[in-house]
C-alpha atoms as a PDB file:
ATOM      1  CA  MET A   1      -0.542   7.184  11.056  1.00  0.00           C
ATOM      2  CA  GLN A   2      -2.477   3.950  10.996  1.00  0.00           C
ATOM      3  CA  THR A   3      -2.246   0.728  12.862  1.00  0.00           C
ATOM      4  CA  GLY A   4      -2.673  -2.954  12.055  1.00  0.00           C
ATOM      5  CA  VAL A   5      -1.608  -6.443  12.894  1.00  0.00           C
ATOM      6  CA  VAL A   6       0.667  -8.304  10.402  1.00  0.00           C
ATOM      7  CA  GLU A   7      -1.154 -11.537   9.417  1.00  0.00           C
ATOM      8  CA  ALA A   8       1.470 -12.849   6.966  1.00  0.00           C
ATOM      9  CA  VAL A   9       4.849 -11.874   5.467  1.00  0.00           C
ATOM     10  CA  LEU A  10       4.752 -12.278   1.679  1.00  0.00           C
ATOM     11  CA  ASP A  11       8.451 -11.542   0.892  1.00  0.00           C
ATOM     12  CA  GLY A  12      11.334  -9.509   2.318  1.00  0.00           C
ATOM     13  CA  GLU A  13       9.542  -6.145   1.819  1.00  0.00           C
ATOM     14  CA  THR A  14       5.785  -6.962   1.718  1.00  0.00           C
ATOM     15  CA  PHE A  15       3.230  -8.223   4.129  1.00  0.00           C
ATOM     16  CA  ARG A  16      -0.517  -8.614   4.547  1.00  0.00           C
ATOM     17  CA  LEU A  17      -2.409  -7.024   7.508  1.00  0.00           C
ATOM     18  CA  ASN A  18      -5.368  -8.599   9.356  1.00  0.00           C
ATOM     19  CA  THR A  19      -7.527  -6.106   7.413  1.00  0.00           C
ATOM     20  CA  GLY A  20      -6.554  -7.770   4.143  1.00  0.00           C
ATOM     21  CA  GLU A  21      -4.479  -4.815   2.971  1.00  0.00           C
ATOM     22  CA  THR A  22      -0.963  -5.364   1.587  1.00  0.00           C
ATOM     23  CA  VAL A  23       1.850  -3.114   2.770  1.00  0.00           C
ATOM     24  CA  ARG A  24       5.235  -2.757   1.096  1.00  0.00           C
ATOM     25  CA  LEU A  25       8.128  -1.125   2.890  1.00  0.00           C
ATOM     26  CA  ALA A  26       9.081   2.177   1.389  1.00  0.00           C
ATOM     27  CA  GLU A  27      12.644   2.402  -0.036  1.00  0.00           C
ATOM     28  CA  VAL A  28      13.477  -1.244   0.650  1.00  0.00           C
ATOM     29  CA  ASP A  29      14.559  -3.485  -2.245  1.00  0.00           C
ATOM     30  CA  VAL A  30      14.938  -7.226  -1.573  1.00  0.00           C
ATOM     31  CA  PRO A  31      17.453  -9.414  -3.431  1.00  0.00           C
ATOM     32  CA  GLU A  32      16.222 -11.557  -6.413  1.00  0.00           C
ATOM     33  CA  VAL A  33      13.773 -14.351  -5.742  1.00  0.00           C
ATOM     34  CA  GLY A  34      15.493 -17.681  -5.370  1.00  0.00           C
ATOM     35  CA  SER A  35      18.801 -16.277  -4.087  1.00  0.00           C
ATOM     36  CA  PRO A  36      20.001 -17.115  -0.563  1.00  0.00           C
ATOM     37  CA  ALA A  37      19.861 -13.431   0.274  1.00  0.00           C
ATOM     38  CA  TYR A  38      16.113 -13.302  -0.663  1.00  0.00           C
ATOM     39  CA  ALA A  39      15.374 -16.108   1.742  1.00  0.00           C
ATOM     40  CA  GLN A  40      17.354 -14.413   4.533  1.00  0.00           C
ATOM     41  CA  ALA A  41      15.491 -11.135   3.998  1.00  0.00           C
ATOM     42  CA  PHE A  42      12.141 -12.933   3.982  1.00  0.00           C
ATOM     43  CA  GLU A  43      12.936 -14.619   7.321  1.00  0.00           C
ATOM     44  CA  LYS A  44      14.248 -11.406   8.855  1.00  0.00           C
ATOM     45  CA  LEU A  45      11.046  -9.563   8.050  1.00  0.00           C
ATOM     46  CA  LYS A  46       8.971 -12.441   9.420  1.00  0.00           C
ATOM     47  CA  GLN A  47      10.988 -12.233  12.687  1.00  0.00           C
ATOM     48  CA  LEU A  48      10.443  -8.485  12.909  1.00  0.00           C
ATOM     49  CA  VAL A  49       6.734  -8.067  12.108  1.00  0.00           C
ATOM     50  CA  GLU A  50       4.742 -11.308  11.722  1.00  0.00           C
ATOM     51  CA  GLY A  51       1.869 -11.518  14.197  1.00  0.00           C
ATOM     52  CA  LYS A  52       2.767  -8.127  15.651  1.00  0.00           C
ATOM     53  CA  ALA A  53       0.973  -4.809  15.887  1.00  0.00           C
ATOM     54  CA  ILE A  54       2.445  -2.156  13.683  1.00  0.00           C
ATOM     55  CA  LEU A  55       2.158   1.546  13.178  1.00  0.00           C
ATOM     56  CA  TYR A  56       2.512   2.722   9.622  1.00  0.00           C
ATOM     57  CA  ASP A  57       2.671   5.980   7.702  1.00  0.00           C
ATOM     58  CA  GLN A  58       1.378   5.557   4.145  1.00  0.00           C
ATOM     59  CA  ARG A  59       3.348   7.303   1.449  1.00  0.00           C
ATOM     60  CA  THR A  60       1.379   6.242  -1.612  1.00  0.00           C
ATOM     61  CA  ILE A  61      -0.351   3.219  -3.280  1.00  0.00           C
ATOM     62  CA  ASP A  62       1.724   1.406  -5.858  1.00  0.00           C
ATOM     63  CA  GLY A  63       0.629   0.044  -9.257  1.00  0.00           C
ATOM     64  CA  TYR A  64      -0.375  -3.281  -7.626  1.00  0.00           C
ATOM     65  CA  GLY A  65      -2.705  -1.600  -5.059  1.00  0.00           C
ATOM     66  CA  GLN A  66      -0.227  -2.100  -2.243  1.00  0.00           C
ATOM     67  CA  ILE A  67       0.238   0.527   0.482  1.00  0.00           C
ATOM     68  CA  VAL A  68       3.772   1.822   0.356  1.00  0.00           C
ATOM     69  CA  ALA A  69       4.687   2.893   3.865  1.00  0.00           C
ATOM     70  CA  ASP A  70       7.134   3.557   6.683  1.00  0.00           C
ATOM     71  CA  VAL A  71       6.528   0.950   9.386  1.00  0.00           C
ATOM     72  CA  TRP A  72       7.279   0.695  13.098  1.00  0.00           C
ATOM     73  CA  VAL A  73       6.947  -2.091  15.655  1.00  0.00           C
ATOM     74  CA  ASN A  74       7.012  -0.238  19.038  1.00  0.00           C
ATOM     75  CA  SER A  75       9.856   2.272  18.462  1.00  0.00           C
ATOM     76  CA  LEU A  76      11.805   0.080  15.967  1.00  0.00           C
ATOM     77  CA  TYR A  77      11.782   1.590  12.451  1.00  0.00           C
ATOM     78  CA  ILE A  78      11.324  -1.538  10.261  1.00  0.00           C
ATOM     79  CA  ASN A  79      12.296   0.070   6.968  1.00  0.00           C
ATOM     80  CA  ASN A  80      15.669   1.082   8.380  1.00  0.00           C
ATOM     81  CA  GLU A  81      16.253  -2.348   9.986  1.00  0.00           C
ATOM     82  CA  MET A  82      15.541  -4.129   6.670  1.00  0.00           C
ATOM     83  CA  HIS A  83      17.552  -1.731   4.572  1.00  0.00           C
ATOM     84  CA  ARG A  84      20.514  -2.156   6.956  1.00  0.00           C
ATOM     85  CA  PHE A  85      20.073  -5.936   7.000  1.00  0.00           C
ATOM     86  CA  ILE A  86      19.863  -6.307   3.227  1.00  0.00           C
ATOM     87  CA  SER A  87      22.959  -4.084   2.707  1.00  0.00           C
ATOM     88  CA  LEU A  88      24.967  -6.550   4.763  1.00  0.00           C
ATOM     89  CA  LEU A  89      23.948  -9.577   2.684  1.00  0.00           C
END
């Protein structure tokens, strides 16, 4: 497990840490760019993680060099929250 602070949310499943590393939520797929659901997912992830300290468990590094991980803010499992939120859109 590693820690970091989320500097900026890049889309509904990806964010940048204060270390410069980019993290993508494992097993979370956001709606297509430009759709209303995409914008809602983006805003939800911002609300959940932006500016906050996180704990993450790296699964792998993807083809873009992003850390693919399971992410928590305190005891809230962010991957699950986003998956559930997106499934309701």
